[in-house]
Amino acid sequence: MCGRFTLVSPFVAVAERFRAAAPAGLRPRYNIAPGQDILCVVADGARRIEPMRWGLIPFWAKDPSIGNRLINARAETLAVKPSFRGAFAKRRCLIAADGFYEWRQAGRRKVPVYVFLKSREPFGFAGLYEVWKAPDGREIRTCTIITTGANDLVRPIHDRMPVIVPETLEDRWLDPAEKDRGLLESVLMPYPAEAMEAYEVTPAVNNAAHDGPDCILPA
């Protein structure tokens, strides 16, 4: 799964990387957690980056608390799960990040590990988004991160990892007119292990309220 990640790159670099303007007044995020607003890239027209709440609320949901359980979506079942199949068909997004955390079992404790690209550049997780209408008429935009089987780097830590979309495939993933299920599913592969690095970090990451630069320092 993916339960925490980072976006500490300068926002000018993020905007350039995704060819879209980033919202103003944002700060580096060292320990992003479910329920918080995260930056999503959408292309229902021109590309843009906008904040959405992490934890997808299907448009048909009666209770928004369902979003607490839908922070991740398995790539293998997107087309059949009622919570995700509509968004998979026409509401796909990228979620801006530059690293993520997984926890390795070490005896009775779990050790946080930070995973990132060797280039240290920002990248996009494959995501889905929804627009949910609250009883008071407000529209709430929410999203989920898609996961797949782990690559050789992540597998000793966890059996799943978030899908990182190669830059060359981003337009295919974002295009709402793309309906070929096979082509879309071909995007949802583990990122090459040889292009990534990982190291253990401080247990302070376990506290979602802790969001400082020490989160990504090697332990």
N, C-alpha and C. Protein backbone atom coordinates (compact mmCIF):
# COMPACT_ATOMS: atom_id res chain seq x y z
N MET A 1 0.84 -1.19 0.00
CA MET A 1 0.00 0.00 0.00
C MET A 1 0.87 1.24 0.00
N CYS A 2 0.27 2.39 -0.03
CA CYS A 2 0.99 3.65 0.12
C CYS A 2 0.22 4.48 1.13
N GLY A 3 0.83 4.70 2.30
CA GLY A 3 0.14 5.44 3.35
C GLY A 3 0.77 6.76 3.71
N ARG A 4 1.99 7.02 3.24
CA ARG A 4 2.67 8.30 3.48
C ARG A 4 3.58 8.59 2.29
N PHE A 5 3.75 9.86 1.98
CA PHE A 5 4.70 10.22 0.93
C PHE A 5 5.17 11.65 1.12
N THR A 6 6.05 12.10 0.23
CA THR A 6 6.64 13.43 0.34
C THR A 6 6.47 14.22 -0.95
N LEU A 7 6.54 15.53 -0.82
CA LEU A 7 6.68 16.44 -1.96
C LEU A 7 7.45 17.65 -1.44
N VAL A 8 8.78 17.56 -1.54
CA VAL A 8 9.65 18.59 -1.00
C VAL A 8 10.37 19.36 -2.10
N SER A 9 10.20 18.95 -3.35
CA SER A 9 10.83 19.64 -4.48
C SER A 9 10.30 21.06 -4.59
N PRO A 10 11.13 22.00 -5.08
CA PRO A 10 10.63 23.36 -5.31
C PRO A 10 9.41 23.32 -6.23
N PHE A 11 8.43 24.14 -5.94
CA PHE A 11 7.19 24.06 -6.71
C PHE A 11 7.36 24.56 -8.14
N VAL A 12 8.40 25.35 -8.38
CA VAL A 12 8.72 25.70 -9.77
C VAL A 12 9.11 24.42 -10.52
N ALA A 13 9.90 23.57 -9.88
CA ALA A 13 10.31 22.32 -10.51
C ALA A 13 9.12 21.40 -10.71
N VAL A 14 8.20 21.38 -9.77
CA VAL A 14 7.00 20.55 -9.90
C VAL A 14 6.15 21.03 -11.07
N ALA A 15 5.97 22.34 -11.18
CA ALA A 15 5.18 22.90 -12.28
C ALA A 15 5.82 22.58 -13.63
N GLU A 16 7.14 22.72 -13.70
CA GLU A 16 7.83 22.42 -14.95
C GLU A 16 7.74 20.94 -15.30
N ARG A 17 7.90 20.10 -14.28
CA ARG A 17 7.87 18.66 -14.51
C ARG A 17 6.53 18.21 -15.09
N PHE A 18 5.43 18.78 -14.61
CA PHE A 18 4.10 18.34 -15.04
C PHE A 18 3.47 19.27 -16.08
N ARG A 19 4.24 20.28 -16.51
CA ARG A 19 3.76 21.19 -17.56
C ARG A 19 2.41 21.81 -17.18
N ALA A 20 2.34 22.28 -15.95
CA ALA A 20 1.10 22.88 -15.45
C ALA A 20 1.44 23.80 -14.28
N ALA A 21 0.65 24.83 -14.11
CA ALA A 21 0.88 25.78 -13.02
C ALA A 21 0.49 25.16 -11.69
N ALA A 22 1.38 25.30 -10.70
CA ALA A 22 1.08 24.82 -9.36
C ALA A 22 0.44 25.93 -8.54
N PRO A 23 -0.46 25.59 -7.61
CA PRO A 23 -1.07 26.61 -6.76
C PRO A 23 -0.01 27.39 -5.98
N ALA A 24 -0.26 28.64 -5.72
CA ALA A 24 0.69 29.49 -4.99
C ALA A 24 0.63 29.21 -3.50
N GLY A 25 1.69 29.60 -2.81
CA GLY A 25 1.71 29.56 -1.36
C GLY A 25 1.85 28.19 -0.75
N LEU A 26 2.42 27.24 -1.47
CA LEU A 26 2.58 25.89 -0.95
C LEU A 26 3.96 25.72 -0.30
N ARG A 27 4.05 24.79 0.63
CA ARG A 27 5.30 24.55 1.34
C ARG A 27 5.75 23.11 1.12
N PRO A 28 7.03 22.83 1.37
CA PRO A 28 7.49 21.44 1.28
C PRO A 28 6.73 20.55 2.28
N ARG A 29 6.44 19.33 1.86
CA ARG A 29 5.71 18.37 2.70
C ARG A 29 6.56 17.12 2.86
N TYR A 30 6.93 16.82 4.10
CA TYR A 30 7.83 15.71 4.39
C TYR A 30 7.13 14.46 4.89
N ASN A 31 5.85 14.56 5.17
CA ASN A 31 5.14 13.41 5.76
C ASN A 31 3.65 13.54 5.47
N ILE A 32 3.29 13.43 4.19
CA ILE A 32 1.91 13.61 3.77
C ILE A 32 1.11 12.37 4.16
N ALA A 33 -0.07 12.59 4.75
CA ALA A 33 -0.87 11.49 5.30
C ALA A 33 -2.28 11.51 4.73
N PRO A 34 -2.97 10.37 4.78
CA PRO A 34 -4.37 10.32 4.31
C PRO A 34 -5.24 11.35 5.01
N GLY A 35 -6.22 11.85 4.27
CA GLY A 35 -7.13 12.86 4.79
C GLY A 35 -6.67 14.27 4.54
N GLN A 36 -5.41 14.43 4.14
CA GLN A 36 -4.88 15.76 3.85
C GLN A 36 -5.06 16.09 2.38
N ASP A 37 -4.96 17.37 2.05
CA ASP A 37 -5.00 17.80 0.65
C ASP A 37 -3.66 17.50 -0.01
N ILE A 38 -3.69 16.95 -1.21
CA ILE A 38 -2.50 16.66 -1.97
C ILE A 38 -2.66 17.22 -3.38
N LEU A 39 -1.56 17.33 -4.11
CA LEU A 39 -1.59 17.96 -5.43
C LEU A 39 -1.83 16.92 -6.52
N CYS A 40 -2.89 17.14 -7.30
CA CYS A 40 -3.26 16.22 -8.37
C CYS A 40 -3.16 16.93 -9.71
N VAL A 41 -2.63 16.22 -10.69
CA VAL A 41 -2.53 16.71 -12.06
C VAL A 41 -3.68 16.10 -12.86
N VAL A 42 -4.50 16.92 -13.47
CA VAL A 42 -5.61 16.46 -14.30
C VAL A 42 -5.51 17.10 -15.67
N ALA A 43 -6.16 16.49 -16.65
CA ALA A 43 -6.08 17.00 -18.03
C ALA A 43 -7.42 16.88 -18.72
N ASP A 44 -8.48 17.37 -18.08
CA ASP A 44 -9.79 17.42 -18.74
C ASP A 44 -9.90 18.74 -19.50
N GLY A 45 -9.02 18.88 -20.48
CA GLY A 45 -8.78 20.13 -21.20
C GLY A 45 -7.29 20.36 -21.11
N ALA A 46 -6.87 21.57 -20.73
CA ALA A 46 -5.45 21.82 -20.49
C ALA A 46 -5.04 21.18 -19.17
N ARG A 47 -3.77 20.83 -19.07
CA ARG A 47 -3.27 20.29 -17.80
C ARG A 47 -3.36 21.35 -16.70
N ARG A 48 -3.68 20.90 -15.51
CA ARG A 48 -3.63 21.79 -14.36
C ARG A 48 -3.32 20.96 -13.11
N ILE A 49 -2.82 21.65 -12.08
CA ILE A 49 -2.54 21.02 -10.80
C ILE A 49 -3.49 21.62 -9.77
N GLU A 50 -4.19 20.77 -9.06
CA GLU A 50 -5.12 21.29 -8.06
C GLU A 50 -5.11 20.40 -6.81
N PRO A 51 -5.42 20.98 -5.66
CA PRO A 51 -5.46 20.18 -4.44
C PRO A 51 -6.73 19.33 -4.37
N MET A 52 -6.56 18.10 -3.89
CA MET A 52 -7.70 17.21 -3.63
C MET A 52 -7.43 16.48 -2.32
N ARG A 53 -8.48 16.09 -1.65
CA ARG A 53 -8.34 15.35 -0.40
C ARG A 53 -7.96 13.90 -0.69
N TRP A 54 -6.96 13.41 0.06
CA TRP A 54 -6.51 12.03 -0.14
C TRP A 54 -7.44 11.07 0.61
N GLY A 55 -8.19 10.28 -0.17
CA GLY A 55 -9.18 9.34 0.35
C GLY A 55 -10.43 9.47 -0.49
N LEU A 56 -10.57 8.62 -1.49
CA LEU A 56 -11.60 8.81 -2.51
C LEU A 56 -13.01 8.55 -1.99
N ILE A 57 -13.91 9.50 -2.25
CA ILE A 57 -15.34 9.35 -1.95
C ILE A 57 -16.06 9.14 -3.28
N PRO A 58 -16.55 7.93 -3.56
CA PRO A 58 -17.29 7.72 -4.82
C PRO A 58 -18.46 8.68 -4.94
N PHE A 59 -18.80 9.08 -6.15
CA PHE A 59 -19.85 10.07 -6.35
C PHE A 59 -21.18 9.59 -5.79
N TRP A 60 -21.37 8.25 -5.72
CA TRP A 60 -22.64 7.70 -5.27
C TRP A 60 -22.70 7.47 -3.76
N ALA A 61 -21.61 7.75 -3.04
CA ALA A 61 -21.55 7.45 -1.61
C ALA A 61 -22.53 8.31 -0.81
N LYS A 62 -23.14 7.72 0.19
CA LYS A 62 -24.00 8.46 1.11
C LYS A 62 -23.20 9.01 2.29
N ASP A 63 -22.16 8.28 2.69
CA ASP A 63 -21.37 8.64 3.86
C ASP A 63 -19.94 8.96 3.42
N PRO A 64 -19.48 10.18 3.60
CA PRO A 64 -18.13 10.53 3.13
C PRO A 64 -17.02 9.80 3.88
N SER A 65 -17.32 9.19 5.02
CA SER A 65 -16.27 8.49 5.76
C SER A 65 -15.72 7.30 5.00
N ILE A 66 -16.39 6.88 3.92
CA ILE A 66 -15.86 5.79 3.10
C ILE A 66 -14.49 6.16 2.55
N GLY A 67 -14.23 7.44 2.40
CA GLY A 67 -12.94 7.89 1.89
C GLY A 67 -11.77 7.47 2.77
N ASN A 68 -12.01 7.29 4.06
CA ASN A 68 -10.95 6.87 4.97
C ASN A 68 -10.41 5.49 4.61
N ARG A 69 -11.24 4.68 3.95
CA ARG A 69 -10.85 3.31 3.59
C ARG A 69 -10.35 3.21 2.15
N LEU A 70 -10.46 4.29 1.40
CA LEU A 70 -10.14 4.24 -0.02
C LEU A 70 -8.98 5.16 -0.37
N ILE A 71 -7.90 5.06 0.42
CA ILE A 71 -6.70 5.85 0.12
C ILE A 71 -5.88 5.20 -0.99
N ASN A 72 -6.05 3.89 -1.17
CA ASN A 72 -5.35 3.14 -2.21
C ASN A 72 -6.35 2.33 -3.02
N ALA A 73 -5.98 2.05 -4.28
CA ALA A 73 -6.78 1.20 -5.16
C ALA A 73 -5.84 0.22 -5.84
N ARG A 74 -6.18 -1.07 -5.81
CA ARG A 74 -5.32 -2.08 -6.42
C ARG A 74 -5.46 -2.04 -7.94
N ALA A 75 -4.32 -1.98 -8.64
CA ALA A 75 -4.34 -1.91 -10.10
C ALA A 75 -5.08 -3.08 -10.72
N GLU A 76 -5.01 -4.24 -10.09
CA GLU A 76 -5.56 -5.45 -10.67
C GLU A 76 -7.09 -5.48 -10.69
N THR A 77 -7.74 -4.64 -9.88
CA THR A 77 -9.21 -4.72 -9.78
C THR A 77 -9.91 -3.39 -10.06
N LEU A 78 -9.22 -2.43 -10.64
CA LEU A 78 -9.83 -1.12 -10.89
C LEU A 78 -11.08 -1.20 -11.75
N ALA A 79 -11.03 -2.07 -12.76
CA ALA A 79 -12.12 -2.11 -13.75
C ALA A 79 -13.37 -2.79 -13.23
N VAL A 80 -13.28 -3.48 -12.08
CA VAL A 80 -14.44 -4.22 -11.59
C VAL A 80 -14.96 -3.73 -10.24
N LYS A 81 -14.15 -3.05 -9.46
CA LYS A 81 -14.59 -2.58 -8.15
C LYS A 81 -15.54 -1.39 -8.32
N PRO A 82 -16.74 -1.43 -7.75
CA PRO A 82 -17.69 -0.32 -7.89
C PRO A 82 -17.13 1.03 -7.44
N SER A 83 -16.25 1.00 -6.45
CA SER A 83 -15.71 2.26 -5.94
C SER A 83 -14.78 2.95 -6.92
N PHE A 84 -14.21 2.19 -7.87
CA PHE A 84 -13.16 2.72 -8.72
C PHE A 84 -13.44 2.66 -10.22
N ARG A 85 -14.34 1.80 -10.67
CA ARG A 85 -14.43 1.55 -12.11
C ARG A 85 -14.88 2.78 -12.90
N GLY A 86 -15.75 3.62 -12.34
CA GLY A 86 -16.17 4.82 -13.05
C GLY A 86 -15.02 5.80 -13.19
N ALA A 87 -14.25 5.99 -12.12
CA ALA A 87 -13.11 6.91 -12.17
C ALA A 87 -12.02 6.35 -13.08
N PHE A 88 -11.82 5.04 -13.06
CA PHE A 88 -10.82 4.43 -13.94
C PHE A 88 -11.16 4.69 -15.40
N ALA A 89 -12.44 4.71 -15.71
CA ALA A 89 -12.86 4.91 -17.10
C ALA A 89 -12.65 6.35 -17.57
N LYS A 90 -12.82 7.34 -16.67
CA LYS A 90 -12.78 8.73 -17.16
C LYS A 90 -12.28 9.79 -16.19
N ARG A 91 -11.82 9.42 -14.99
CA ARG A 91 -11.32 10.42 -14.05
C ARG A 91 -9.98 9.95 -13.48
N ARG A 92 -8.99 9.94 -14.36
CA ARG A 92 -7.64 9.53 -13.96
C ARG A 92 -6.77 10.75 -13.72
N CYS A 93 -5.84 10.66 -12.81
CA CYS A 93 -4.99 11.79 -12.47
C CYS A 93 -3.59 11.29 -12.13
N LEU A 94 -2.68 12.23 -11.97
CA LEU A 94 -1.36 11.98 -11.40
C LEU A 94 -1.29 12.70 -10.07
N ILE A 95 -0.62 12.09 -9.13
CA ILE A 95 -0.46 12.70 -7.80
C ILE A 95 1.02 13.05 -7.64
N ALA A 96 1.29 14.33 -7.48
CA ALA A 96 2.67 14.82 -7.45
C ALA A 96 3.37 14.37 -6.17
N ALA A 97 4.57 13.80 -6.32
CA ALA A 97 5.34 13.29 -5.19
C ALA A 97 6.81 13.30 -5.58
N ASP A 98 7.68 13.07 -4.59
CA ASP A 98 9.09 12.83 -4.90
C ASP A 98 9.69 11.76 -4.00
N GLY A 99 8.87 11.06 -3.27
CA GLY A 99 9.30 9.92 -2.45
C GLY A 99 8.13 9.37 -1.68
N PHE A 100 8.28 8.16 -1.14
CA PHE A 100 7.21 7.59 -0.32
C PHE A 100 7.82 6.69 0.74
N TYR A 101 7.03 6.38 1.76
CA TYR A 101 7.48 5.55 2.87
C TYR A 101 6.77 4.19 2.84
N GLU A 102 7.54 3.16 3.18
CA GLU A 102 6.98 1.85 3.48
C GLU A 102 7.62 1.37 4.78
N TRP A 103 6.96 0.42 5.45
CA TRP A 103 7.44 -0.06 6.74
C TRP A 103 7.86 -1.52 6.64
N ARG A 104 9.12 -1.79 7.01
CA ARG A 104 9.67 -3.14 6.97
C ARG A 104 9.54 -3.79 8.34
N GLN A 105 9.02 -5.02 8.35
CA GLN A 105 8.88 -5.75 9.61
C GLN A 105 10.26 -6.17 10.10
N ALA A 106 10.59 -5.83 11.33
CA ALA A 106 11.87 -6.19 11.94
C ALA A 106 11.58 -6.74 13.33
N GLY A 107 11.34 -8.05 13.40
CA GLY A 107 10.92 -8.63 14.67
C GLY A 107 9.54 -8.14 15.05
N ARG A 108 9.42 -7.53 16.22
CA ARG A 108 8.14 -7.03 16.68
C ARG A 108 7.88 -5.59 16.28
N ARG A 109 8.82 -4.97 15.65
CA ARG A 109 8.64 -3.56 15.29
C ARG A 109 8.66 -3.39 13.78
N LYS A 110 8.16 -2.24 13.33
CA LYS A 110 8.19 -1.90 11.92
C LYS A 110 9.11 -0.69 11.73
N VAL A 111 10.00 -0.83 10.78
CA VAL A 111 11.01 0.20 10.53
C VAL A 111 10.62 0.99 9.28
N PRO A 112 10.48 2.32 9.39
CA PRO A 112 10.13 3.11 8.20
C PRO A 112 11.30 3.22 7.23
N VAL A 113 10.98 3.08 5.95
CA VAL A 113 11.97 3.16 4.88
C VAL A 113 11.50 4.19 3.86
N TYR A 114 12.41 5.06 3.45
CA TYR A 114 12.09 6.09 2.47
C TYR A 114 12.55 5.62 1.10
N VAL A 115 11.66 5.71 0.11
CA VAL A 115 11.92 5.23 -1.25
C VAL A 115 11.77 6.41 -2.22
N PHE A 116 12.70 6.53 -3.16
CA PHE A 116 12.69 7.69 -4.06
C PHE A 116 13.44 7.34 -5.33
N LEU A 117 13.37 8.21 -6.33
CA LEU A 117 14.12 8.02 -7.57
C LEU A 117 15.57 8.42 -7.37
N LYS A 118 16.47 7.71 -8.01
CA LYS A 118 17.89 8.07 -7.92
C LYS A 118 18.13 9.50 -8.40
N SER A 119 17.34 9.94 -9.33
CA SER A 119 17.49 11.31 -9.85
C SER A 119 17.04 12.37 -8.87
N ARG A 120 16.30 11.96 -7.84
CA ARG A 120 15.71 12.87 -6.84
C ARG A 120 14.69 13.81 -7.48
N GLU A 121 14.21 13.51 -8.65
CA GLU A 121 13.23 14.37 -9.31
C GLU A 121 11.82 14.03 -8.86
N PRO A 122 10.90 14.99 -8.97
CA PRO A 122 9.49 14.68 -8.69
C PRO A 122 8.93 13.74 -9.75
N PHE A 123 7.86 13.05 -9.38
CA PHE A 123 7.20 12.10 -10.28
C PHE A 123 5.72 12.08 -9.96
N GLY A 124 4.97 11.33 -10.77
CA GLY A 124 3.53 11.24 -10.55
C GLY A 124 3.09 9.83 -10.23
N PHE A 125 2.41 9.66 -9.10
CA PHE A 125 1.70 8.40 -8.83
C PHE A 125 0.48 8.33 -9.74
N ALA A 126 0.15 7.14 -10.21
CA ALA A 126 -1.13 6.97 -10.89
C ALA A 126 -2.25 7.11 -9.87
N GLY A 127 -3.25 7.90 -10.21
CA GLY A 127 -4.36 8.11 -9.29
C GLY A 127 -5.70 8.19 -10.00
N LEU A 128 -6.75 8.14 -9.21
CA LEU A 128 -8.12 8.35 -9.68
C LEU A 128 -8.73 9.45 -8.82
N TYR A 129 -9.69 10.19 -9.39
CA TYR A 129 -10.34 11.22 -8.59
C TYR A 129 -11.85 11.20 -8.80
N GLU A 130 -12.54 11.78 -7.85
CA GLU A 130 -13.99 11.88 -7.90
C GLU A 130 -14.42 13.26 -7.41
N VAL A 131 -15.61 13.65 -7.80
CA VAL A 131 -16.24 14.88 -7.28
C VAL A 131 -17.50 14.45 -6.56
N TRP A 132 -17.52 14.63 -5.24
CA TRP A 132 -18.65 14.21 -4.41
C TRP A 132 -19.42 15.43 -3.95
N LYS A 133 -20.73 15.38 -4.08
CA LYS A 133 -21.57 16.51 -3.68
C LYS A 133 -22.10 16.27 -2.27
N ALA A 134 -21.73 17.15 -1.35
CA ALA A 134 -22.18 17.07 0.04
C ALA A 134 -23.65 17.48 0.15
N PRO A 135 -24.32 17.09 1.23
CA PRO A 135 -25.73 17.46 1.40
C PRO A 135 -25.98 18.95 1.34
N ASP A 136 -24.98 19.77 1.71
CA ASP A 136 -25.17 21.22 1.67
C ASP A 136 -24.86 21.81 0.29
N GLY A 137 -24.57 20.92 -0.69
CA GLY A 137 -24.33 21.39 -2.05
C GLY A 137 -22.87 21.60 -2.40
N ARG A 138 -21.97 21.55 -1.41
CA ARG A 138 -20.55 21.73 -1.70
C ARG A 138 -20.03 20.55 -2.52
N GLU A 139 -19.11 20.84 -3.44
CA GLU A 139 -18.43 19.79 -4.18
C GLU A 139 -17.08 19.52 -3.54
N ILE A 140 -16.83 18.26 -3.20
CA ILE A 140 -15.59 17.86 -2.56
C ILE A 140 -14.83 16.96 -3.52
N ARG A 141 -13.61 17.37 -3.85
CA ARG A 141 -12.78 16.62 -4.80
C ARG A 141 -11.81 15.75 -4.01
N THR A 142 -11.84 14.46 -4.29
CA THR A 142 -11.03 13.50 -3.55
C THR A 142 -10.31 12.58 -4.53
N CYS A 143 -9.29 11.87 -4.02
CA CYS A 143 -8.49 11.02 -4.90
C CYS A 143 -7.95 9.81 -4.15
N THR A 144 -7.43 8.87 -4.93
CA THR A 144 -6.80 7.68 -4.37
C THR A 144 -5.55 7.38 -5.17
N ILE A 145 -4.58 6.70 -4.54
CA ILE A 145 -3.33 6.31 -5.18
C ILE A 145 -3.42 4.84 -5.57
N ILE A 146 -3.05 4.52 -6.80
CA ILE A 146 -3.11 3.14 -7.29
C ILE A 146 -1.82 2.41 -6.91
N THR A 147 -1.97 1.16 -6.46
CA THR A 147 -0.82 0.34 -6.10
C THR A 147 -0.74 -0.88 -6.99
N THR A 148 0.47 -1.44 -7.05
CA THR A 148 0.73 -2.65 -7.83
C THR A 148 1.71 -3.53 -7.04
N GLY A 149 2.09 -4.67 -7.61
CA GLY A 149 3.07 -5.51 -6.95
C GLY A 149 4.41 -4.80 -6.85
N ALA A 150 5.17 -5.13 -5.81
CA ALA A 150 6.44 -4.45 -5.56
C ALA A 150 7.51 -4.88 -6.56
N ASN A 151 8.44 -3.97 -6.85
CA ASN A 151 9.61 -4.33 -7.64
C ASN A 151 10.69 -4.93 -6.73
N ASP A 152 11.85 -5.23 -7.29
CA ASP A 152 12.88 -5.94 -6.53
C ASP A 152 13.44 -5.10 -5.38
N LEU A 153 13.40 -3.78 -5.51
CA LEU A 153 13.90 -2.92 -4.43
C LEU A 153 12.93 -2.89 -3.26
N VAL A 154 11.63 -2.77 -3.56
CA VAL A 154 10.62 -2.59 -2.52
C VAL A 154 10.18 -3.93 -1.90
N ARG A 155 10.28 -5.02 -2.65
CA ARG A 155 9.73 -6.30 -2.20
C ARG A 155 10.24 -6.75 -0.82
N PRO A 156 11.52 -6.56 -0.48
CA PRO A 156 11.96 -6.96 0.87
C PRO A 156 11.33 -6.11 1.98
N ILE A 157 10.74 -4.98 1.60
CA ILE A 157 10.12 -4.08 2.58
C ILE A 157 8.63 -4.33 2.65
N HIS A 158 7.97 -4.43 1.48
CA HIS A 158 6.52 -4.59 1.39
C HIS A 158 6.18 -5.24 0.06
N ASP A 159 5.06 -5.97 0.03
CA ASP A 159 4.71 -6.68 -1.21
C ASP A 159 3.96 -5.81 -2.21
N ARG A 160 3.62 -4.58 -1.85
CA ARG A 160 2.94 -3.65 -2.75
C ARG A 160 3.72 -2.34 -2.81
N MET A 161 3.50 -1.60 -3.89
CA MET A 161 4.09 -0.27 -3.99
C MET A 161 3.16 0.60 -4.83
N PRO A 162 3.24 1.94 -4.67
CA PRO A 162 2.43 2.81 -5.52
C PRO A 162 2.93 2.77 -6.96
N VAL A 163 2.02 2.93 -7.90
CA VAL A 163 2.39 2.99 -9.31
C VAL A 163 2.99 4.37 -9.60
N ILE A 164 4.22 4.39 -10.06
CA ILE A 164 4.86 5.61 -10.55
C ILE A 164 4.76 5.59 -12.07
N VAL A 165 4.10 6.57 -12.64
CA VAL A 165 3.88 6.59 -14.09
C VAL A 165 5.10 7.16 -14.79
N PRO A 166 5.71 6.43 -15.71
CA PRO A 166 6.81 7.00 -16.49
C PRO A 166 6.35 8.25 -17.23
N GLU A 167 7.22 9.23 -17.33
CA GLU A 167 6.83 10.50 -17.95
C GLU A 167 6.31 10.29 -19.37
N THR A 168 6.87 9.31 -20.08
CA THR A 168 6.45 9.07 -21.47
C THR A 168 5.03 8.53 -21.58
N LEU A 169 4.47 8.03 -20.46
CA LEU A 169 3.12 7.46 -20.48
C LEU A 169 2.09 8.34 -19.79
N GLU A 170 2.52 9.49 -19.30
CA GLU A 170 1.60 10.33 -18.54
C GLU A 170 0.43 10.82 -19.37
N ASP A 171 0.69 11.25 -20.60
CA ASP A 171 -0.41 11.75 -21.43
C ASP A 171 -1.44 10.67 -21.69
N ARG A 172 -0.99 9.45 -21.92
CA ARG A 172 -1.93 8.34 -22.12
C ARG A 172 -2.81 8.16 -20.88
N TRP A 173 -2.19 8.17 -19.72
CA TRP A 173 -2.95 7.94 -18.48
C TRP A 173 -3.95 9.07 -18.21
N LEU A 174 -3.55 10.29 -18.47
CA LEU A 174 -4.40 11.44 -18.14
C LEU A 174 -5.53 11.67 -19.14
N ASP A 175 -5.38 11.21 -20.35
CA ASP A 175 -6.34 11.50 -21.41
C ASP A 175 -7.71 10.88 -21.11
N PRO A 176 -8.73 11.69 -20.80
CA PRO A 176 -10.05 11.11 -20.49
C PRO A 176 -10.71 10.45 -21.69
N ALA A 177 -10.20 10.72 -22.90
CA ALA A 177 -10.75 10.10 -24.10
C ALA A 177 -10.18 8.70 -24.35
N GLU A 178 -9.12 8.34 -23.62
CA GLU A 178 -8.53 7.01 -23.80
C GLU A 178 -9.40 5.97 -23.09
N LYS A 179 -9.94 5.05 -23.86
CA LYS A 179 -10.86 4.04 -23.30
C LYS A 179 -10.32 2.61 -23.40
N ASP A 180 -9.14 2.45 -24.02
CA ASP A 180 -8.59 1.11 -24.21
C ASP A 180 -8.08 0.57 -22.88
N ARG A 181 -8.81 -0.39 -22.31
CA ARG A 181 -8.46 -0.90 -20.99
C ARG A 181 -7.06 -1.51 -20.98
N GLY A 182 -6.71 -2.22 -22.05
CA GLY A 182 -5.39 -2.84 -22.11
C GLY A 182 -4.28 -1.81 -22.09
N LEU A 183 -4.43 -0.74 -22.85
CA LEU A 183 -3.42 0.31 -22.86
C LEU A 183 -3.30 0.99 -21.50
N LEU A 184 -4.43 1.24 -20.87
CA LEU A 184 -4.41 1.88 -19.55
C LEU A 184 -3.76 0.97 -18.51
N GLU A 185 -4.11 -0.31 -18.54
CA GLU A 185 -3.54 -1.24 -17.57
C GLU A 185 -2.04 -1.44 -17.79
N SER A 186 -1.58 -1.21 -19.04
CA SER A 186 -0.14 -1.36 -19.31
C SER A 186 0.68 -0.28 -18.63
N VAL A 187 0.04 0.80 -18.22
CA VAL A 187 0.72 1.87 -17.49
C VAL A 187 1.00 1.46 -16.06
N LEU A 188 0.21 0.55 -15.53
CA LEU A 188 0.18 0.29 -14.09
C LEU A 188 1.15 -0.82 -13.67
N MET A 189 2.41 -0.66 -14.07
CA MET A 189 3.45 -1.63 -13.79
C MET A 189 4.39 -1.12 -12.69
N PRO A 190 5.09 -2.02 -12.00
CA PRO A 190 6.10 -1.55 -11.03
C PRO A 190 7.19 -0.74 -11.72
N TYR A 191 7.59 0.35 -11.08
CA TYR A 191 8.65 1.18 -11.65
C TYR A 191 9.97 0.41 -11.58
N PRO A 192 10.88 0.60 -12.56
CA PRO A 192 12.13 -0.15 -12.57
C PRO A 192 12.93 0.05 -11.28
N ALA A 193 13.30 -1.05 -10.64
CA ALA A 193 14.02 -0.99 -9.37
C ALA A 193 15.37 -0.31 -9.52
N GLU A 194 16.02 -0.49 -10.68
CA GLU A 194 17.36 0.06 -10.85
C GLU A 194 17.36 1.59 -10.92
N ALA A 195 16.20 2.21 -11.06
CA ALA A 195 16.10 3.67 -11.11
C ALA A 195 15.74 4.26 -9.75
N MET A 196 15.69 3.42 -8.71
CA MET A 196 15.22 3.86 -7.39
C MET A 196 16.24 3.55 -6.31
N GLU A 197 16.10 4.23 -5.18
CA GLU A 197 16.92 3.97 -3.99
C GLU A 197 16.02 3.95 -2.77
N ALA A 198 16.54 3.42 -1.66
CA ALA A 198 15.77 3.38 -0.42
C ALA A 198 16.73 3.33 0.77
N TYR A 199 16.30 3.92 1.89
CA TYR A 199 17.06 3.79 3.13
C TYR A 199 16.11 3.98 4.32
N GLU A 200 16.54 3.48 5.48
CA GLU A 200 15.74 3.61 6.70
C GLU A 200 15.78 5.05 7.20
N VAL A 201 14.65 5.46 7.81
CA VAL A 201 14.54 6.82 8.35
C VAL A 201 14.04 6.78 9.79
N THR A 202 13.92 7.94 10.38
CA THR A 202 13.53 8.06 11.78
C THR A 202 12.12 7.54 12.06
N PRO A 203 11.91 6.88 13.22
CA PRO A 203 10.55 6.47 13.60
C PRO A 203 9.61 7.65 13.82
N ALA A 204 10.14 8.86 13.86
CA ALA A 204 9.27 10.03 14.00
C ALA A 204 8.27 10.13 12.86
N VAL A 205 8.59 9.50 11.70
CA VAL A 205 7.67 9.48 10.57
C VAL A 205 6.35 8.80 10.94
N ASN A 206 6.39 7.91 11.92
CA ASN A 206 5.17 7.20 12.32
C ASN A 206 4.08 8.15 12.80
N ASN A 207 4.47 9.31 13.28
CA ASN A 207 3.52 10.32 13.75
C ASN A 207 3.16 11.23 12.59
N ALA A 208 1.92 11.14 12.13
CA ALA A 208 1.50 11.93 10.97
C ALA A 208 1.59 13.43 11.21
N ALA A 209 1.61 13.84 12.47
CA ALA A 209 1.71 15.26 12.78
C ALA A 209 3.14 15.78 12.65
N HIS A 210 4.09 14.86 12.56
CA HIS A 210 5.49 15.26 12.43
C HIS A 210 5.83 15.44 10.96
N ASP A 211 6.14 16.66 10.55
CA ASP A 211 6.33 16.97 9.13
C ASP A 211 7.50 17.92 8.98
N GLY A 212 8.71 17.38 9.21
CA GLY A 212 9.90 18.21 9.12
C GLY A 212 10.98 17.56 8.30
N PRO A 213 12.03 18.30 7.96
CA PRO A 213 13.08 17.78 7.09
C PRO A 213 13.78 16.53 7.62
N ASP A 214 13.78 16.34 8.96
CA ASP A 214 14.43 15.15 9.50
C ASP A 214 13.74 13.85 9.07
N CYS A 215 12.50 13.95 8.59
CA CYS A 215 11.77 12.74 8.17
C CYS A 215 12.50 11.98 7.07
N ILE A 216 13.22 12.70 6.21
CA ILE A 216 13.83 12.03 5.05
C ILE A 216 15.35 11.86 5.21
N LEU A 217 15.89 12.13 6.42
CA LEU A 217 17.29 11.91 6.64
C LEU A 217 17.53 10.43 6.93
N PRO A 218 18.65 9.85 6.43
CA PRO A 218 18.94 8.44 6.76
C PRO A 218 19.05 8.25 8.26
N ALA A 219 18.50 7.16 8.77
CA ALA A 219 18.53 6.89 10.20
C ALA A 219 19.96 6.54 10.61
